[in-house]
Amino acid sequence: MTEDNPIGRDPSAGDELPQPVVRRHRVNASLIWLIPVLAALVGLSLVVSNWLQAGPQITISFQSAEGLDAGKTPVKYKNVVIGRVKTIHLSADRNRVLVTVALEKSAEGFATQDTRFWVVRPRIGLGGVSGIDTLLSGAFIGADVGDSKAPREEFNGLEVPPAVNHDAPGRSFILHSDDLGSLDIGSPVYYRRIQVGRVASYELDKDGKGVTLHIFVDGPNDKFVTRSARFWNASGVDVSIGANGLKLNTQSLATVLAGGVAFQDPSGPHDSTPAAEDAGYTLFNDQATAMAPPDGEPRYIRMRFEQSVRGLAVDAPVEFLGINIGRVVSVRLDYDEQRQRFPVLVGALVYPQRLGVAYDKLAAMARARGQTGDLAQLMGGLIDHGLRAQARTGNLLTGQLYVALDFMPHAPKVAFDPAAKPLTIPTVAGSFDKLQEQMAGIVDKLGKVPFDSIGRNLDQTLAGLDATLKQVNGETLPAFKDTLQGVQKTMGTANEALAGDSPLQQNLGATMEQVQRMARSLRVLTDYLGGHPEALLRGRRPDAKLPAAAPATTSPTTSPKRSQP
């Protein structure tokens, strides 16, 4: 038996068929199995390639899966696809939707601590319209990456797109306010009526007594936020009535609808150094309050009114000689057991620094006398000079009251304890209350007038006057009429006697001519005696003889005239 003849027969035998070669059959079998091996290798290489190119998988939690579709919804950053939604399922408590996202290998840096995700869909609000492009392309998940390098796999998706991206140029600042008002995320921030930023977020303070807002001012306008900048709520419309008439002030129509914040530096000398990142400021209610001088530390005072304070409400102003120095913070009713009365306790916050130079001078004078210059000591000196609190009418139409601190010259002396807690300011009745007291006094005096007896006497007087008038009408007036008729007749007779052709008129004319001649003679005599006063003793001197005149030829029909003496 050889290798070529494995069965051991003689190869010279002609009746036997040739045997197949086993080696040739082995070669054909190895080629057939090579094809699936190659396919497996190709598949394995594809798997390894996909595994090497695949990025991390993250889970994002949303309140709703609206607009999301597993295997189709992309994840985009700056409109570039960086991943795709893989699966969508509910959380164990069925309160949230868990979206599994497969990120690309190049997007490994998005699986970090400070990355934010949200669903981009069409949104319409007071702040504007966004996501219009998704009406055709469909919703997608937006992403915003920060600077953190710490890895993270589970995220809480934002229900509202962030107002500011991490890579936006500018700076953030913090505002503190008593309440949010009409502000919201995305509300504009204005500088000189130009929008330079927006409200990024807000949160309630831990003590629950205020609200903290985070705003973002875009660069390069963030340099205008200085250390002395004042911020105020520019929401709505600011209407004021003053000596110059009605004024209406608003930043823009958007602030009327969606609210807004404005800021500006105060007038006069101030620190114009640009503020640091996340610097804190107070958000005032209006521009006038924001631009006013610093208030300083407030002080609490209490006032005890013995009369009604109807119309006095919380936030009513407290004025000192017309200067607003504080506001009312409480109005409470009390009971006096000894006097059986119900006084009203009014609490107020006052800011002594609003008095400006006057307060500084009073404090300096107090320290010169060896005192500390505390508000209680200063108030004690002013109260000794007649300082009192009074509720006055601030608006005749609405009846609103305000508290006025003013000097009353005739106010009675009162005991004042500067160490009392709280500091209590003595009060006097309001101007309207005094008017009511005066009116009540007038009414009391009028009540004492004997109107009944005056009425009876008046009736008797009117009855006597009526009888007198009847007598005048019946007797006096007819007699007076007869007298007038007689006077009229007498005047007629006098007119007839003085007529132009009457003898009386002619005699009167002749008499007047004689009187005129006598007057002329008296005038001549007076002139002569003025020149010859001795004539009263010696008599009149004879007239001087005139020189002889030449004979004149006269007409036979005329005769020479006689010379007048």
Protein backbone atom coordinates (compact mmCIF):
# COMPACT_ATOMS: atom_id res chain seq x y z
CA MET A 1 0.00 0.00 0.00
CA THR A 2 1.41 3.28 -1.11
CA GLU A 3 0.34 6.89 -0.88
CA ASP A 4 -0.85 6.87 -4.55
CA ASN A 5 -2.62 3.51 -4.18
CA PRO A 6 -4.23 3.51 -0.78
CA ILE A 7 -6.36 0.36 -1.31
CA GLY A 8 -3.37 -1.83 -2.23
CA ARG A 9 -4.35 -3.01 -5.73
CA ASP A 10 -2.13 -3.51 -8.74
CA PRO A 11 -2.17 -0.51 -10.98
CA SER A 12 -1.52 -2.63 -14.06
CA ALA A 13 -4.99 -4.16 -13.84
CA GLY A 14 -7.03 -2.66 -16.66
CA ASP A 15 -10.56 -3.39 -15.33
CA GLU A 16 -10.41 -1.04 -12.37
CA LEU A 17 -11.47 2.64 -12.39
CA PRO A 18 -9.07 5.34 -11.20
CA GLN A 19 -9.53 6.48 -7.66
CA PRO A 20 -10.19 10.16 -6.80
CA VAL A 21 -7.42 12.13 -5.27
CA VAL A 22 -8.32 13.05 -1.72
CA ARG A 23 -5.96 16.01 -1.62
CA ARG A 24 -7.84 17.80 -4.40
CA HIS A 25 -11.12 17.53 -2.51
CA ARG A 26 -9.60 19.15 0.64
CA VAL A 27 -8.48 22.20 -1.32
CA ASN A 28 -12.03 22.88 -2.67
CA ALA A 29 -13.60 22.64 0.83
CA SER A 30 -11.29 25.32 2.31
CA LEU A 31 -12.21 27.84 -0.46
CA ILE A 32 -15.95 27.49 0.22
CA TRP A 33 -15.60 28.34 3.91
CA LEU A 34 -13.41 31.32 3.16
CA ILE A 35 -16.38 33.44 1.96
CA PRO A 36 -18.34 33.44 5.27
CA VAL A 37 -15.11 33.95 7.14
CA LEU A 38 -14.39 37.03 5.07
CA ALA A 39 -17.97 38.29 5.58
CA ALA A 40 -17.63 37.80 9.32
CA LEU A 41 -14.36 39.68 9.30
CA VAL A 42 -15.93 42.56 7.36
CA GLY A 43 -18.90 42.68 9.74
CA LEU A 44 -16.62 42.57 12.73
CA SER A 45 -14.54 45.38 11.30
CA LEU A 46 -17.67 47.46 10.75
CA VAL A 47 -18.79 46.81 14.30
CA VAL A 48 -15.39 47.72 15.64
CA SER A 49 -15.33 50.83 13.43
CA ASN A 50 -18.79 51.93 14.62
CA TRP A 51 -17.81 51.21 18.19
CA LEU A 52 -14.62 53.21 17.80
CA GLN A 53 -16.48 56.13 16.10
CA ALA A 54 -19.53 56.14 18.40
CA GLY A 55 -19.74 58.81 21.06
CA PRO A 56 -21.18 58.61 24.60
CA GLN A 57 -24.84 58.00 25.34
CA ILE A 58 -26.63 60.42 27.66
CA THR A 59 -30.09 60.57 29.18
CA ILE A 60 -32.07 63.83 29.20
CA SER A 61 -35.17 64.26 31.34
CA PHE A 62 -38.06 66.39 30.00
CA GLN A 63 -41.58 67.08 31.23
CA SER A 64 -43.01 66.08 27.85
CA ALA A 65 -41.87 64.35 24.66
CA GLU A 66 -43.80 66.76 22.44
CA GLY A 67 -42.11 67.03 19.03
CA LEU A 68 -39.55 64.26 19.77
CA ASP A 69 -39.30 61.08 17.71
CA ALA A 70 -36.97 58.14 18.49
CA GLY A 71 -34.39 57.54 15.77
CA LYS A 72 -35.22 60.78 13.93
CA THR A 73 -34.97 63.85 16.18
CA PRO A 74 -31.45 65.30 15.97
CA VAL A 75 -29.42 67.10 18.61
CA LYS A 76 -27.87 70.31 17.31
CA TYR A 77 -25.32 72.83 18.46
CA LYS A 78 -25.14 76.04 16.42
CA ASN A 79 -27.36 74.26 13.87
CA VAL A 80 -24.80 71.39 13.47
CA VAL A 81 -25.99 67.83 14.21
CA ILE A 82 -23.97 66.34 17.10
CA GLY A 83 -26.23 63.39 17.97
CA ARG A 84 -29.63 61.80 17.60
CA VAL A 85 -32.44 60.62 19.84
CA LYS A 86 -32.18 56.85 20.28
CA THR A 87 -35.04 55.90 22.61
CA ILE A 88 -37.84 57.61 24.51
CA HIS A 89 -39.50 56.11 27.58
CA LEU A 90 -41.20 57.19 30.82
CA SER A 91 -39.46 57.41 34.16
CA ALA A 92 -40.30 54.99 36.95
CA ASP A 93 -42.68 57.45 38.64
CA ARG A 94 -44.23 58.40 35.24
CA ASN A 95 -43.70 62.09 35.96
CA ARG A 96 -40.90 62.70 33.46
CA VAL A 97 -39.87 61.57 29.99
CA LEU A 98 -36.38 60.05 29.67
CA VAL A 99 -34.79 60.61 26.28
CA THR A 100 -31.68 58.58 25.43
CA VAL A 101 -29.37 60.46 23.05
CA ALA A 102 -26.44 58.95 21.19
CA LEU A 103 -23.79 61.62 20.71
CA GLU A 104 -21.19 61.51 18.02
CA LYS A 105 -17.56 60.80 18.78
CA SER A 106 -16.67 64.41 18.07
CA ALA A 107 -19.29 65.58 20.59
CA GLU A 108 -17.80 63.88 23.66
CA GLY A 109 -17.21 67.32 25.19
CA PHE A 110 -20.99 67.88 25.47
CA ALA A 111 -21.39 65.17 28.10
CA THR A 112 -20.12 67.48 30.86
CA GLN A 113 -21.55 69.03 34.01
CA ASP A 114 -22.53 72.50 32.72
CA THR A 115 -24.06 71.49 29.38
CA ARG A 116 -27.69 72.47 28.92
CA PHE A 117 -30.29 70.83 26.66
CA TRP A 118 -33.75 72.01 25.62
CA VAL A 119 -36.32 71.29 22.93
CA VAL A 120 -36.44 73.86 20.14
CA ARG A 121 -40.01 74.25 18.93
CA PRO A 122 -42.13 77.24 17.80
CA ARG A 123 -42.78 79.56 20.76
CA ILE A 124 -44.86 82.74 20.88
CA GLY A 125 -44.74 84.96 23.96
CA LEU A 126 -44.59 88.55 25.14
CA GLY A 127 -40.82 88.49 24.68
CA GLY A 128 -41.10 87.62 20.96
CA VAL A 129 -41.38 84.69 18.57
CA SER A 130 -38.74 81.93 18.31
CA GLY A 131 -38.27 78.55 16.63
CA ILE A 132 -40.15 79.45 13.44
CA ASP A 133 -37.75 77.35 11.32
CA THR A 134 -38.91 74.18 13.08
CA LEU A 135 -42.35 74.47 11.45
CA LEU A 136 -40.87 72.81 8.35
CA SER A 137 -37.91 70.84 9.67
CA GLY A 138 -39.50 69.63 12.88
CA ALA A 139 -38.44 70.06 16.51
CA PHE A 140 -34.91 69.25 17.63
CA ILE A 141 -32.91 69.28 20.85
CA GLY A 142 -30.66 72.31 21.27
CA ALA A 143 -27.44 72.22 23.26
CA ASP A 144 -25.20 74.76 24.98
CA VAL A 145 -21.84 73.67 26.34
CA GLY A 146 -19.86 75.38 29.07
CA ASP A 147 -16.29 75.21 30.31
CA SER A 148 -16.57 72.22 32.64
CA LYS A 149 -14.55 69.05 31.94
CA ALA A 150 -16.28 66.81 34.48
CA PRO A 151 -18.20 64.00 32.70
CA ARG A 152 -21.94 63.56 33.14
CA GLU A 153 -24.52 61.17 31.70
CA GLU A 154 -27.86 62.34 33.08
CA PHE A 155 -29.28 65.82 32.48
CA ASN A 156 -32.45 67.76 33.33
CA GLY A 157 -33.65 69.40 30.16
CA LEU A 158 -34.75 73.04 30.18
CA GLU A 159 -38.38 73.72 29.38
CA VAL A 160 -37.54 77.23 28.12
CA PRO A 161 -34.50 78.05 25.98
CA PRO A 162 -31.78 79.85 27.94
CA ALA A 163 -31.65 83.61 27.52
CA VAL A 164 -27.84 83.66 27.31
CA ASN A 165 -25.41 81.15 25.86
CA HIS A 166 -22.11 80.37 27.57
CA ASP A 167 -20.00 81.76 24.74
CA ALA A 168 -21.92 85.06 24.42
CA PRO A 169 -19.69 88.16 24.89
CA GLY A 170 -20.64 90.24 27.90
CA ARG A 171 -21.00 90.00 31.66
CA SER A 172 -23.62 88.93 34.18
CA PHE A 173 -24.87 91.02 37.10
CA ILE A 174 -27.13 90.35 40.07
CA LEU A 175 -30.13 92.47 41.06
CA HIS A 176 -32.03 92.30 44.35
CA SER A 177 -35.69 93.33 44.52
CA ASP A 178 -38.66 93.02 46.86
CA ASP A 179 -40.72 91.27 44.17
CA LEU A 180 -40.47 90.20 40.54
CA GLY A 181 -43.18 92.49 39.20
CA SER A 182 -43.88 91.91 35.51
CA LEU A 183 -40.32 90.78 34.72
CA ASP A 184 -39.61 87.39 33.18
CA ILE A 185 -36.75 85.48 31.59
CA GLY A 186 -35.83 87.32 28.42
CA SER A 187 -37.15 90.71 29.56
CA PRO A 188 -34.98 93.43 27.98
CA VAL A 189 -32.35 95.51 29.79
CA TYR A 190 -32.07 99.12 28.57
CA TYR A 191 -29.36 101.75 28.73
CA ARG A 192 -30.48 105.20 27.54
CA ARG A 193 -33.52 103.54 25.92
CA ILE A 194 -31.34 101.14 23.88
CA GLN A 195 -31.58 97.42 24.60
CA VAL A 196 -28.19 96.14 25.73
CA GLY A 197 -29.08 92.91 27.53
CA ARG A 198 -31.78 90.72 29.01
CA VAL A 199 -32.93 88.96 32.17
CA ALA A 200 -31.25 85.54 32.25
CA SER A 201 -32.90 83.98 35.32
CA TYR A 202 -34.53 84.71 38.66
CA GLU A 203 -35.07 82.91 41.93
CA LEU A 204 -36.70 83.47 45.28
CA ASP A 205 -34.33 84.36 48.12
CA LYS A 206 -33.71 81.67 50.72
CA ASP A 207 -35.38 83.74 53.44
CA GLY A 208 -38.38 84.38 51.20
CA LYS A 209 -38.14 88.16 51.67
CA GLY A 210 -37.09 89.08 48.16
CA VAL A 211 -36.17 88.01 44.65
CA THR A 212 -32.73 87.73 43.07
CA LEU A 213 -32.44 88.35 39.32
CA HIS A 214 -29.52 87.50 37.07
CA ILE A 215 -29.16 89.80 34.07
CA PHE A 216 -26.73 89.63 31.17
CA VAL A 217 -25.43 92.75 29.41
CA ASP A 218 -23.96 92.14 25.97
CA GLY A 219 -20.48 93.31 25.13
CA PRO A 220 -19.16 95.87 24.54
CA ASN A 221 -22.04 97.65 26.29
CA ASP A 222 -21.25 95.87 29.55
CA LYS A 223 -18.58 98.50 30.20
CA PHE A 224 -21.33 101.05 30.88
CA VAL A 225 -22.32 99.15 34.04
CA THR A 226 -20.21 100.98 36.63
CA ARG A 227 -19.90 100.64 40.37
CA SER A 228 -22.26 103.62 40.80
CA ALA A 229 -24.88 102.40 38.32
CA ARG A 230 -28.52 102.52 39.41
CA PHE A 231 -31.05 99.94 38.18
CA TRP A 232 -34.83 100.36 38.21
CA ASN A 233 -37.88 98.48 36.99
CA ALA A 234 -38.92 100.08 33.70
CA SER A 235 -42.06 97.97 33.28
CA GLY A 236 -45.37 99.55 32.35
CA VAL A 237 -46.03 103.27 32.01
CA ASP A 238 -44.88 105.89 34.51
CA VAL A 239 -47.46 108.71 34.74
CA SER A 240 -46.87 111.76 36.94
CA ILE A 241 -48.58 115.12 37.40
CA GLY A 242 -46.47 118.06 38.51
CA ALA A 243 -46.04 121.77 38.10
CA ASN A 244 -45.13 121.24 34.43
CA GLY A 245 -48.29 119.25 33.71
CA LEU A 246 -48.88 115.58 32.89
CA LYS A 247 -45.80 113.47 32.11
CA LEU A 248 -45.80 109.96 30.61
CA ASN A 249 -42.56 107.97 30.60
CA THR A 250 -41.81 104.49 29.25
CA GLN A 251 -38.78 102.78 27.72
CA SER A 252 -40.56 101.05 24.83
CA LEU A 253 -43.76 99.26 23.92
CA ALA A 254 -42.08 95.94 24.80
CA THR A 255 -41.62 97.04 28.42
CA VAL A 256 -45.33 97.83 28.67
CA LEU A 257 -46.17 94.26 27.66
CA ALA A 258 -43.25 92.12 28.85
CA GLY A 259 -41.53 94.34 31.42
CA GLY A 260 -37.95 95.53 31.43
CA VAL A 261 -35.00 96.82 33.43
CA ALA A 262 -33.13 100.09 32.86
CA PHE A 263 -29.90 101.42 34.33
CA GLN A 264 -27.91 104.63 34.28
CA ASP A 265 -25.23 106.44 36.27
CA PRO A 266 -26.39 109.12 38.75
CA SER A 267 -25.82 112.80 38.08
CA GLY A 268 -22.85 114.58 39.57
CA PRO A 269 -19.55 113.09 40.73
CA HIS A 270 -19.58 109.28 40.94
CA ASP A 271 -17.35 106.22 40.57
CA SER A 272 -17.26 105.40 36.84
CA THR A 273 -15.11 102.27 37.22
CA PRO A 274 -16.65 99.32 35.30
CA ALA A 275 -18.27 96.83 37.64
CA ALA A 276 -16.91 93.34 38.15
CA GLU A 277 -18.57 90.13 37.00
CA ASP A 278 -21.67 89.19 39.07
CA ALA A 279 -21.63 92.51 40.95
CA GLY A 280 -24.78 93.04 43.04
CA TYR A 281 -27.20 95.98 42.80
CA THR A 282 -30.59 97.00 44.18
CA LEU A 283 -33.48 97.06 41.73
CA PHE A 284 -35.61 100.14 42.50
CA ASN A 285 -39.26 100.51 41.61
CA ASP A 286 -38.89 103.65 39.47
CA GLN A 287 -36.29 105.97 38.05
CA ALA A 288 -36.92 108.82 40.50
CA THR A 289 -36.22 106.56 43.47
CA ALA A 290 -33.19 105.02 41.79
CA MET A 291 -31.56 108.36 40.96
CA ALA A 292 -32.21 109.87 44.40
CA PRO A 293 -29.27 110.24 46.81
CA PRO A 294 -28.45 107.18 48.94
CA ASP A 295 -30.98 106.63 51.70
CA GLY A 296 -28.59 105.19 54.23
CA GLU A 297 -29.73 103.03 57.13
CA PRO A 298 -33.47 103.24 57.87
CA ARG A 299 -34.84 103.92 61.37
CA TYR A 300 -38.18 102.77 62.72
CA ILE A 301 -40.44 105.28 64.48
CA ARG A 302 -43.95 105.02 65.88
CA MET A 303 -46.71 107.61 66.12
CA ARG A 304 -49.86 107.45 68.25
CA PHE A 305 -52.90 109.20 66.77
CA GLU A 306 -55.96 109.82 68.90
CA GLN A 307 -58.25 110.58 65.95
CA SER A 308 -59.38 108.66 62.88
CA VAL A 309 -56.74 108.14 60.20
CA ARG A 310 -59.10 107.02 57.45
CA GLY A 311 -57.17 107.36 54.18
CA LEU A 312 -53.75 106.61 55.68
CA ALA A 313 -52.39 103.39 54.17
CA VAL A 314 -49.16 101.44 54.05
CA ASP A 315 -46.52 103.08 51.80
CA ALA A 316 -47.97 106.53 52.44
CA PRO A 317 -45.11 109.09 52.47
CA VAL A 318 -43.62 110.59 55.63
CA GLU A 319 -42.45 114.18 55.01
CA PHE A 320 -40.35 116.60 57.02
CA LEU A 321 -41.11 120.20 56.00
CA GLY A 322 -42.19 118.90 52.59
CA ILE A 323 -39.15 116.60 52.09
CA ASN A 324 -39.93 112.90 51.75
CA ILE A 325 -37.87 111.09 54.39
CA GLY A 326 -39.70 107.76 54.70
CA ARG A 327 -42.87 105.76 54.35
CA VAL A 328 -45.58 104.20 56.48
CA VAL A 329 -45.11 100.46 57.05
CA SER A 330 -47.96 99.61 59.44
CA VAL A 331 -51.30 100.97 60.70
CA ARG A 332 -52.69 99.17 63.77
CA LEU A 333 -55.50 99.82 66.23
CA ASP A 334 -54.76 99.90 69.98
CA TYR A 335 -56.89 100.21 73.14
CA ASP A 336 -56.32 102.57 76.10
CA GLU A 337 -57.90 101.05 79.22
CA GLN A 338 -57.61 104.19 81.35
CA ARG A 339 -59.17 106.59 78.87
CA GLN A 340 -61.45 104.04 77.24
CA ARG A 341 -60.21 105.14 73.81
CA PHE A 342 -58.97 103.42 70.67
CA PRO A 343 -55.75 105.11 69.50
CA VAL A 344 -54.14 104.23 66.18
CA LEU A 345 -50.47 103.18 66.15
CA VAL A 346 -48.72 104.09 62.91
CA GLY A 347 -45.25 102.64 62.24
CA ALA A 348 -42.89 104.19 59.69
CA LEU A 349 -39.39 103.78 58.32
CA VAL A 350 -37.47 107.04 58.01
CA TYR A 351 -34.12 107.69 56.37
CA PRO A 352 -32.29 110.49 58.21
CA GLN A 353 -29.66 110.86 55.48
CA ARG A 354 -32.34 112.17 53.12
CA LEU A 355 -32.09 115.42 55.07
CA GLY A 356 -28.64 115.84 53.56
CA VAL A 357 -26.53 118.70 54.90
CA ALA A 358 -29.11 119.56 57.58
CA TYR A 359 -28.71 116.15 59.20
CA ASP A 360 -24.92 116.39 59.07
CA LYS A 361 -25.00 119.79 60.79
CA LEU A 362 -27.38 118.59 63.51
CA ALA A 363 -25.20 115.54 64.16
CA ALA A 364 -22.06 117.71 64.30
CA MET A 365 -23.71 120.09 66.79
CA ALA A 366 -24.79 117.14 68.94
CA ARG A 367 -21.28 115.70 68.98
CA ALA A 368 -19.90 119.13 69.89
CA ARG A 369 -22.14 119.04 73.00
CA GLY A 370 -20.73 115.65 73.95
CA GLN A 371 -23.62 113.60 72.56
CA THR A 372 -23.42 110.72 70.12
CA GLY A 373 -25.54 112.42 67.47
CA ASP A 374 -28.06 109.58 67.43
CA LEU A 375 -31.46 110.14 65.79
CA ALA A 376 -33.26 109.85 69.13
CA GLN A 377 -31.18 112.67 70.65
CA LEU A 378 -31.71 114.85 67.60
CA MET A 379 -35.45 114.21 67.65
CA GLY A 380 -35.56 115.11 71.34
CA GLY A 381 -34.18 118.60 70.66
CA LEU A 382 -36.56 119.12 67.75
CA ILE A 383 -39.57 117.96 69.77
CA ASP A 384 -38.72 120.51 72.46
CA HIS A 385 -39.01 123.17 69.75
CA GLY A 386 -42.47 121.98 68.70
CA LEU A 387 -41.85 119.14 66.24
CA ARG A 388 -45.00 117.02 65.95
CA ALA A 389 -46.42 114.39 63.61
CA GLN A 390 -49.66 115.21 61.85
CA ALA A 391 -51.89 113.33 59.42
CA ARG A 392 -52.65 115.64 56.51
CA THR A 393 -54.70 115.32 53.37
CA GLY A 394 -52.55 114.57 50.36
CA ASN A 395 -55.30 114.26 47.74
CA LEU A 396 -58.69 115.93 47.99
CA LEU A 397 -60.19 113.66 45.32
CA THR A 398 -59.22 110.33 46.86
CA GLY A 399 -58.97 111.42 50.50
CA GLN A 400 -55.53 109.86 50.91
CA LEU A 401 -53.47 111.00 53.89
CA TYR A 402 -49.76 111.31 54.53
CA VAL A 403 -47.74 111.90 57.70
CA ALA A 404 -46.14 115.34 58.03
CA LEU A 405 -43.40 116.12 60.57
CA ASP A 406 -43.67 119.86 61.15
CA PHE A 407 -43.13 122.45 63.87
CA MET A 408 -46.23 123.59 65.76
CA PRO A 409 -45.53 126.94 67.50
CA HIS A 410 -48.33 126.56 70.07
CA ALA A 411 -47.99 122.83 70.67
CA PRO A 412 -48.09 121.92 74.39
CA LYS A 413 -45.00 120.44 76.00
CA VAL A 414 -44.87 116.65 76.09
CA ALA A 415 -42.64 114.09 77.77
CA PHE A 416 -40.22 112.43 75.35
CA ASP A 417 -38.04 109.42 76.12
CA PRO A 418 -35.12 109.12 73.65
CA ALA A 419 -34.30 105.66 75.00
CA ALA A 420 -37.77 104.24 74.27
CA LYS A 421 -37.97 101.29 71.90
CA PRO A 422 -39.44 101.97 69.42
CA LEU A 423 -38.88 105.72 69.16
CA THR A 424 -42.28 107.38 69.63
CA ILE A 425 -43.00 110.79 68.06
CA PRO A 426 -45.78 112.93 69.64
CA THR A 427 -48.69 113.84 67.39
CA VAL A 428 -51.30 116.58 66.98
CA ALA A 429 -54.70 116.54 65.36
CA GLY A 430 -54.70 116.84 61.59
CA SER A 431 -55.69 119.95 59.71
CA PHE A 432 -58.94 118.36 58.58
CA ASP A 433 -59.69 117.29 62.13
CA LYS A 434 -59.14 120.87 63.30
CA LEU A 435 -61.51 122.06 60.61
CA GLN A 436 -64.08 119.58 61.82
CA GLU A 437 -63.63 120.84 65.40
CA GLN A 438 -64.03 124.43 64.25
CA MET A 439 -67.12 123.52 62.28
CA ALA A 440 -68.48 121.71 65.34
CA GLY A 441 -67.82 124.86 67.47
CA ILE A 442 -69.62 127.00 64.93
CA VAL A 443 -72.54 124.61 64.94
CA ASP A 444 -72.64 124.74 68.77
CA LYS A 445 -72.68 128.54 68.72
CA LEU A 446 -75.38 128.55 66.09
CA GLY A 447 -77.37 126.16 68.28
CA LYS A 448 -77.31 128.73 71.09
CA VAL A 449 -78.79 131.52 68.93
CA PRO A 450 -82.55 132.09 69.91
CA PHE A 451 -83.90 131.71 66.44
CA ASP A 452 -87.48 131.22 67.79
CA SER A 453 -87.62 134.56 69.61
CA ILE A 454 -85.88 136.27 66.72
CA GLY A 455 -88.51 134.82 64.41
CA ARG A 456 -91.37 136.02 66.63
CA ASN A 457 -89.90 139.54 66.86
CA LEU A 458 -89.35 139.53 63.15
CA ASP A 459 -93.01 138.59 62.61
CA GLN A 460 -94.12 141.52 64.79
CA THR A 461 -91.77 143.89 63.00
CA LEU A 462 -93.03 142.74 59.61
CA ALA A 463 -96.65 143.20 60.80
CA GLY A 464 -95.89 146.81 61.92
CA LEU A 465 -94.07 147.47 58.65
CA ASP A 466 -97.07 146.17 56.74
CA ALA A 467 -99.41 148.57 58.62
CA THR A 468 -97.04 151.47 57.98
CA LEU A 469 -96.93 150.70 54.27
CA LYS A 470 -100.71 150.55 54.14
CA GLN A 471 -100.90 153.99 55.81
CA VAL A 472 -98.35 155.39 53.39
CA ASN A 473 -100.23 154.00 50.43
CA GLY A 474 -103.61 155.22 51.71
CA GLU A 475 -102.80 158.68 53.11
CA THR A 476 -99.24 159.87 52.55
CA LEU A 477 -98.94 159.10 48.87
CA PRO A 478 -102.19 160.90 47.83
CA ALA A 479 -101.15 164.04 49.83
CA PHE A 480 -97.71 163.94 48.32
CA LYS A 481 -99.29 163.71 44.87
CA ASP A 482 -101.35 166.87 45.53
CA THR A 483 -98.23 168.69 46.72
CA LEU A 484 -96.41 167.78 43.55
CA GLN A 485 -99.27 169.10 41.48
CA GLY A 486 -99.12 172.45 43.36
CA VAL A 487 -95.38 172.65 42.81
CA GLN A 488 -95.93 172.00 39.12
CA LYS A 489 -98.44 174.87 38.91
CA THR A 490 -96.06 177.25 40.71
CA MET A 491 -93.27 176.39 38.31
CA GLY A 492 -95.59 177.05 35.39
CA THR A 493 -96.47 180.50 36.75
CA ALA A 494 -92.78 181.29 37.21
CA ASN A 495 -92.05 180.31 33.64
CA GLU A 496 -94.78 182.60 32.37
CA ALA A 497 -93.50 185.52 34.49
CA LEU A 498 -89.99 185.13 33.13
CA ALA A 499 -91.03 184.97 29.48
CA GLY A 500 -89.22 187.29 27.01
CA ASP A 501 -92.09 189.76 26.40
CA SER A 502 -93.33 189.99 29.95
CA PRO A 503 -93.04 193.34 31.95
CA LEU A 504 -91.04 191.54 34.60
CA GLN A 505 -88.50 190.45 32.03
CA GLN A 506 -88.25 194.07 30.64
CA ASN A 507 -87.83 195.59 34.11
CA LEU A 508 -85.23 192.99 34.92
CA GLY A 509 -83.32 193.90 31.73
CA ALA A 510 -83.33 197.64 32.53
CA THR A 511 -82.19 196.97 36.05
CA MET A 512 -79.31 194.91 34.73
CA GLU A 513 -78.23 197.76 32.40
CA GLN A 514 -78.21 200.23 35.31
CA VAL A 515 -76.18 197.82 37.33
CA GLN A 516 -73.67 197.56 34.48
CA ARG A 517 -73.34 201.39 34.23
CA MET A 518 -72.87 201.63 37.97
CA ALA A 519 -70.18 199.01 37.78
CA ARG A 520 -68.34 200.97 35.08
CA SER A 521 -68.52 204.15 37.15
CA LEU A 522 -67.13 202.35 40.16
CA ARG A 523 -64.31 200.99 38.05
CA VAL A 524 -63.42 204.50 36.78
CA LEU A 525 -63.55 205.90 40.31
CA THR A 526 -61.36 203.09 41.57
CA ASP A 527 -58.80 203.69 38.85
CA TYR A 528 -58.75 207.48 39.59
CA LEU A 529 -58.30 206.95 43.34
CA GLY A 530 -55.56 204.47 42.59
CA GLY A 531 -53.67 207.25 40.83
CA HIS A 532 -54.80 210.21 43.04
CA PRO A 533 -55.54 208.98 46.57
CA GLU A 534 -55.38 212.58 47.91
CA ALA A 535 -58.63 213.28 46.09
CA LEU A 536 -60.44 211.74 49.06
CA LEU A 537 -59.31 214.80 51.15
CA ARG A 538 -58.86 217.61 48.64
CA GLY A 539 -61.39 216.67 46.07
CA ARG A 540 -60.91 216.25 42.36
CA ARG A 541 -58.53 218.64 40.68
CA PRO A 542 -59.77 220.59 37.72
CA ASP A 543 -58.96 219.21 34.30
CA ALA A 544 -56.00 220.70 32.45
CA LYS A 545 -56.80 223.14 29.68
CA LEU A 546 -56.36 221.78 26.23
CA PRO A 547 -54.36 223.88 23.65
CA ALA A 548 -56.37 225.80 21.08
CA ALA A 549 -57.01 223.79 18.03
CA ALA A 550 -56.90 225.09 14.46
CA PRO A 551 -60.28 225.89 13.06
CA ALA A 552 -61.55 223.12 10.95
CA THR A 553 -63.67 223.49 7.90
CA THR A 554 -66.94 221.80 8.44
CA SER A 555 -69.67 220.87 6.21
CA PRO A 556 -72.77 223.03 6.38
CA THR A 557 -74.72 219.97 7.17
CA THR A 558 -72.47 218.85 10.10
CA SER A 559 -71.65 220.44 13.43
CA PRO A 560 -68.47 220.02 15.51
CA LYS A 561 -68.46 217.24 18.03
CA ARG A 562 -68.31 217.96 21.71
CA SER A 563 -65.31 216.78 23.50
CA GLN A 564 -65.86 214.12 26.06
CA PRO A 565 -64.68 214.99 29.56
